[in-house]
């Protein structure tokens, strides 16, 4: 972490296959705010992605729509009601 950035822990998620996702707010002294996604695979492998607010909003919409499709009843499942 650089001296001019501040990390604020937001969430820690256990992912399939023993992976982990750490989600943090990231604030720079300049006022720029982003979200840092830190994926952990095993003990020593990390992938870090910093995402701006516009793209986080797009991802949130995408994930919401995708998860709604997964949980929606299949055609014909509610025919007996």
Protein backbone atom coordinates (compact mmCIF):
# COMPACT_ATOMS: atom_id res chain seq x y z
CA UNK A 1 0.00 0.00 0.00
CA UNK A 2 1.28 3.45 -0.89
CA UNK A 3 1.54 6.25 1.68
CA UNK A 4 -1.03 8.35 -0.17
CA UNK A 5 -3.75 5.65 -0.11
CA UNK A 6 -6.10 4.48 2.64
CA UNK A 7 -7.75 1.04 2.61
CA UNK A 8 -11.11 0.52 4.32
CA UNK A 9 -12.09 -3.16 4.68
CA UNK A 10 -15.63 -3.79 3.37
CA UNK A 11 -16.04 -7.55 3.03
CA UNK A 12 -14.27 -10.88 3.01
CA UNK A 13 -15.84 -13.66 0.97
CA UNK A 14 -15.00 -17.35 0.85
CA UNK A 15 -15.20 -18.40 -2.81
CA UNK A 16 -15.47 -21.85 -4.38
CA UNK A 17 -12.38 -24.04 -4.65
CA UNK A 18 -10.71 -22.57 -1.56
CA UNK A 19 -10.31 -19.06 -2.97
CA UNK A 20 -10.95 -15.84 -1.07
CA UNK A 21 -12.01 -12.33 -2.07
CA UNK A 22 -11.18 -9.28 0.04
CA UNK A 23 -13.14 -6.16 -0.88
CA UNK A 24 -11.87 -2.77 0.32
CA UNK A 25 -12.66 0.86 -0.24
CA UNK A 26 -9.59 2.69 -1.51
CA UNK A 27 -9.13 6.41 -0.93
CA UNK A 28 -6.24 8.50 -2.22
CA UNK A 29 -5.10 11.83 -0.78
CA UNK A 30 -6.17 13.41 -4.08
CA UNK A 31 -9.80 12.48 -3.24
CA UNK A 32 -10.04 9.65 -5.78
CA UNK A 33 -12.10 6.73 -4.43
CA UNK A 34 -12.13 3.23 -5.84
CA UNK A 35 -12.87 -0.33 -4.78
CA UNK A 36 -10.01 -2.80 -4.46
CA UNK A 37 -10.76 -6.45 -5.18
CA UNK A 38 -8.04 -8.76 -3.88
CA UNK A 39 -8.40 -12.37 -4.95
CA UNK A 40 -6.38 -14.95 -3.05
CA UNK A 41 -5.62 -18.32 -4.59
CA UNK A 42 -3.68 -20.63 -2.32
CA UNK A 43 -1.14 -19.22 0.10
CA UNK A 44 1.00 -17.01 -2.12
CA UNK A 45 -0.92 -16.04 -5.25
CA UNK A 46 -2.90 -12.79 -5.29
CA UNK A 47 -4.66 -10.84 -8.03
CA UNK A 48 -5.45 -7.22 -7.18
CA UNK A 49 -7.87 -5.14 -9.27
CA UNK A 50 -8.78 -1.51 -8.52
CA UNK A 51 -12.18 -0.53 -9.96
CA UNK A 52 -13.68 2.96 -10.36
CA UNK A 53 -17.21 3.89 -9.24
CA UNK A 54 -18.76 3.81 -12.74
CA UNK A 55 -17.56 0.27 -13.39
CA UNK A 56 -18.53 -0.91 -9.89
CA UNK A 57 -22.07 0.32 -10.63
CA UNK A 58 -22.06 -1.60 -13.94
CA UNK A 59 -20.77 -4.74 -12.20
CA UNK A 60 -23.42 -4.41 -9.46
CA UNK A 61 -26.17 -4.22 -12.10
CA UNK A 62 -24.70 -7.16 -14.00
CA UNK A 63 -24.38 -9.32 -10.88
CA UNK A 64 -27.89 -8.42 -9.69
CA UNK A 65 -29.44 -9.30 -13.06
CA UNK A 66 -27.43 -12.54 -13.33
CA UNK A 67 -28.28 -13.72 -9.81
CA UNK A 68 -31.98 -12.91 -10.36
CA UNK A 69 -31.94 -15.15 -13.43
CA UNK A 70 -30.41 -17.97 -11.38
CA UNK A 71 -33.04 -17.73 -8.66
CA UNK A 72 -36.06 -17.16 -10.93
CA UNK A 73 -38.37 -20.17 -11.21
CA UNK A 74 -38.04 -22.07 -14.47
CA UNK A 75 -40.99 -21.91 -16.91
CA UNK A 76 -43.79 -24.13 -15.70
CA UNK A 77 -42.57 -24.55 -12.11
CA UNK A 78 -45.43 -22.50 -10.64
CA UNK A 79 -48.22 -23.88 -12.87
CA UNK A 80 -49.89 -25.74 -9.99
CA UNK A 81 -50.50 -22.64 -7.86
